Amino acid sequence: MIESIGQVMLYVNDVSQAVTFWQEQVGFKRVVALPQQNGAYLISPKLDSEVSFVLHDKQKVAQLDPTAVLATPAILFSTKDLAKTWQKLKDNGVKVSPITQMGPLKVFNFCDLEENYFAVQEIQ
C-alpha cells in the first residue's frame, strides 16, 4: 500500500533560476543538489517536510522521455498566518493575488518566474 507522498516533480526551463526563486523569494529551507539525477534539486519549505519538490530541467526530461507530461501540477500550500505569508512573498518580489475568502477558506495565489501559479490557504 502507498504510505505517503514523498516528492512532487516540477519541470522548469531554468533549474538554477527556479532554485533561487524558491529559496530566496519563497523562503524554502531545504535545497539539495541531486547530481545523480542530471542536475536536479530537492527543495522543501522546511528541513523536516514530509513532501519535497524535485526541480528538473524540462528539456532534459523531454529528451529522456518524449512522452512525459511536463505540465506544472496544481499545488495548494498551507500556512498558519496567511497575511504574513502574503506580505513576505510580496516584499520578496513575488507576484501575488489579493487574499480572498472562498467559503470557509482564506486563500491567495502566487506565481513563479515561469508564470506557473500556486495557491496558499490558511489553516488553523
Protein backbone atom coordinates (compact mmCIF):
# COMPACT_ATOMS: atom_id res chain seq x y z
CA MET A 1 0.00 0.00 0.00
CA ILE A 2 1.07 3.56 -0.61
CA GLU A 3 2.08 5.20 2.67
CA SER A 4 2.65 8.83 1.72
CA ILE A 5 3.62 11.33 -0.96
CA GLY A 6 7.39 11.70 -0.99
CA GLN A 7 8.22 14.07 -3.84
CA VAL A 8 6.48 16.16 -6.46
CA MET A 9 8.36 16.68 -9.71
CA LEU A 10 8.40 20.24 -11.03
CA TYR A 11 9.73 20.57 -14.56
CA VAL A 12 11.24 24.00 -15.19
CA ASN A 13 13.01 25.78 -18.03
CA ASP A 14 15.88 27.06 -15.87
CA VAL A 15 16.73 24.96 -12.81
CA SER A 16 19.22 27.40 -11.26
CA GLN A 17 16.77 30.29 -11.62
CA ALA A 18 14.00 28.15 -10.08
CA VAL A 19 16.24 27.18 -7.14
CA THR A 20 16.97 30.85 -6.49
CA PHE A 21 13.26 31.72 -6.67
CA TRP A 22 12.12 29.00 -4.25
CA GLN A 23 14.99 29.56 -1.82
CA GLU A 24 15.40 33.34 -1.81
CA GLN A 25 11.96 34.65 -2.74
CA VAL A 26 9.67 31.99 -1.29
CA GLY A 27 11.92 31.03 1.63
CA PHE A 28 12.32 27.28 1.20
CA LYS A 29 14.85 25.96 3.73
CA ARG A 30 15.99 22.66 2.25
CA VAL A 31 17.85 22.83 -1.06
CA VAL A 32 19.96 19.83 -2.04
CA ALA A 33 21.64 19.23 -5.39
CA LEU A 34 20.94 15.79 -6.83
CA PRO A 35 23.85 15.24 -9.25
CA GLN A 36 22.83 11.62 -9.83
CA GLN A 37 19.58 12.97 -11.32
CA ASN A 38 21.18 15.07 -14.06
CA GLY A 39 21.33 18.45 -12.28
CA ALA A 40 18.05 18.25 -10.38
CA TYR A 41 17.48 19.84 -6.96
CA LEU A 42 15.43 18.65 -3.99
CA ILE A 43 13.68 21.56 -2.26
CA SER A 44 11.16 21.88 0.58
CA PRO A 45 9.66 24.59 2.77
CA LYS A 46 11.41 23.33 5.88
CA LEU A 47 14.11 20.81 6.72
CA ASP A 48 11.71 18.19 8.07
CA SER A 49 8.95 18.48 5.45
CA GLU A 50 7.25 15.21 4.62
CA VAL A 51 6.83 16.21 0.97
CA SER A 52 9.52 17.79 -1.19
CA PHE A 53 9.75 19.11 -4.73
CA VAL A 54 12.36 17.95 -7.19
CA LEU A 55 13.21 20.61 -9.77
CA HIS A 56 14.10 19.02 -13.10
CA ASP A 57 15.19 20.62 -16.34
CA LYS A 58 12.18 20.37 -18.64
CA GLN A 59 14.27 19.94 -21.83
CA LYS A 60 16.41 17.16 -20.34
CA VAL A 61 13.33 15.26 -19.17
CA ALA A 62 11.71 15.63 -22.61
CA GLN A 63 14.84 14.21 -24.24
CA LEU A 64 14.91 11.24 -21.87
CA ASP A 65 11.18 10.57 -22.17
CA PRO A 66 9.34 12.26 -25.06
CA THR A 67 6.01 11.01 -23.65
CA ALA A 68 6.48 12.66 -20.24
CA VAL A 69 3.79 15.12 -19.17
CA LEU A 70 5.70 18.28 -18.29
CA ALA A 71 2.84 20.48 -17.05
CA THR A 72 3.09 22.03 -13.59
CA PRO A 73 0.67 20.35 -11.17
CA ALA A 74 -1.89 22.37 -9.21
CA ILE A 75 -0.38 22.74 -5.74
CA LEU A 76 -2.06 24.13 -2.61
CA PHE A 77 0.30 25.18 0.18
CA SER A 78 -0.82 25.73 3.78
CA THR A 79 0.19 28.38 6.32
CA LYS A 80 -0.96 29.37 9.80
CA ASP A 81 -0.60 33.10 9.04
CA LEU A 82 -1.87 33.88 5.56
CA ALA A 83 -1.47 37.65 5.77
CA LYS A 84 2.15 37.37 6.95
CA THR A 85 2.97 34.82 4.24
CA TRP A 86 1.32 37.01 1.58
CA GLN A 87 3.25 40.08 2.75
CA LYS A 88 6.58 38.23 2.88
CA LEU A 89 6.18 36.93 -0.66
CA LYS A 90 5.12 40.36 -1.92
CA ASP A 91 8.08 42.01 -0.15
CA ASN A 92 10.38 39.46 -1.81
CA GLY A 93 9.15 40.46 -5.26
CA VAL A 94 6.83 37.51 -5.84
CA LYS A 95 3.71 38.23 -7.90
CA VAL A 96 0.75 37.58 -5.56
CA SER A 97 -3.01 37.86 -5.97
CA PRO A 98 -5.20 39.51 -3.34
CA ILE A 99 -6.26 37.38 -0.38
CA THR A 100 -9.79 36.11 -0.94
CA GLN A 101 -12.39 34.25 1.09
CA MET A 102 -13.61 31.03 -0.57
CA GLY A 103 -16.31 29.68 1.71
CA PRO A 104 -14.56 28.86 4.98
CA LEU A 105 -11.08 29.20 3.41
CA LYS A 106 -8.88 32.27 3.04
CA VAL A 107 -6.51 31.86 0.09
CA PHE A 108 -4.23 33.65 -2.37
CA ASN A 109 -2.22 32.67 -5.43
CA PHE A 110 1.35 33.41 -6.41
CA CYS A 111 3.38 32.62 -9.47
CA ASP A 112 6.96 31.61 -10.08
CA LEU A 113 9.29 33.19 -12.63
CA GLU A 114 7.84 30.99 -15.38
CA GLU A 115 4.25 32.13 -14.65
CA ASN A 116 3.20 28.86 -13.01
CA TYR A 117 0.57 29.55 -10.35
CA PHE A 118 0.39 28.06 -6.87
CA ALA A 119 -2.21 28.58 -4.14
CA VAL A 120 -1.80 29.15 -0.40
CA GLN A 121 -4.52 28.51 2.18
CA GLU A 122 -4.71 29.47 5.82
CA ILE A 123 -5.01 26.62 8.31
CA GLN A 124 -5.91 26.88 11.97
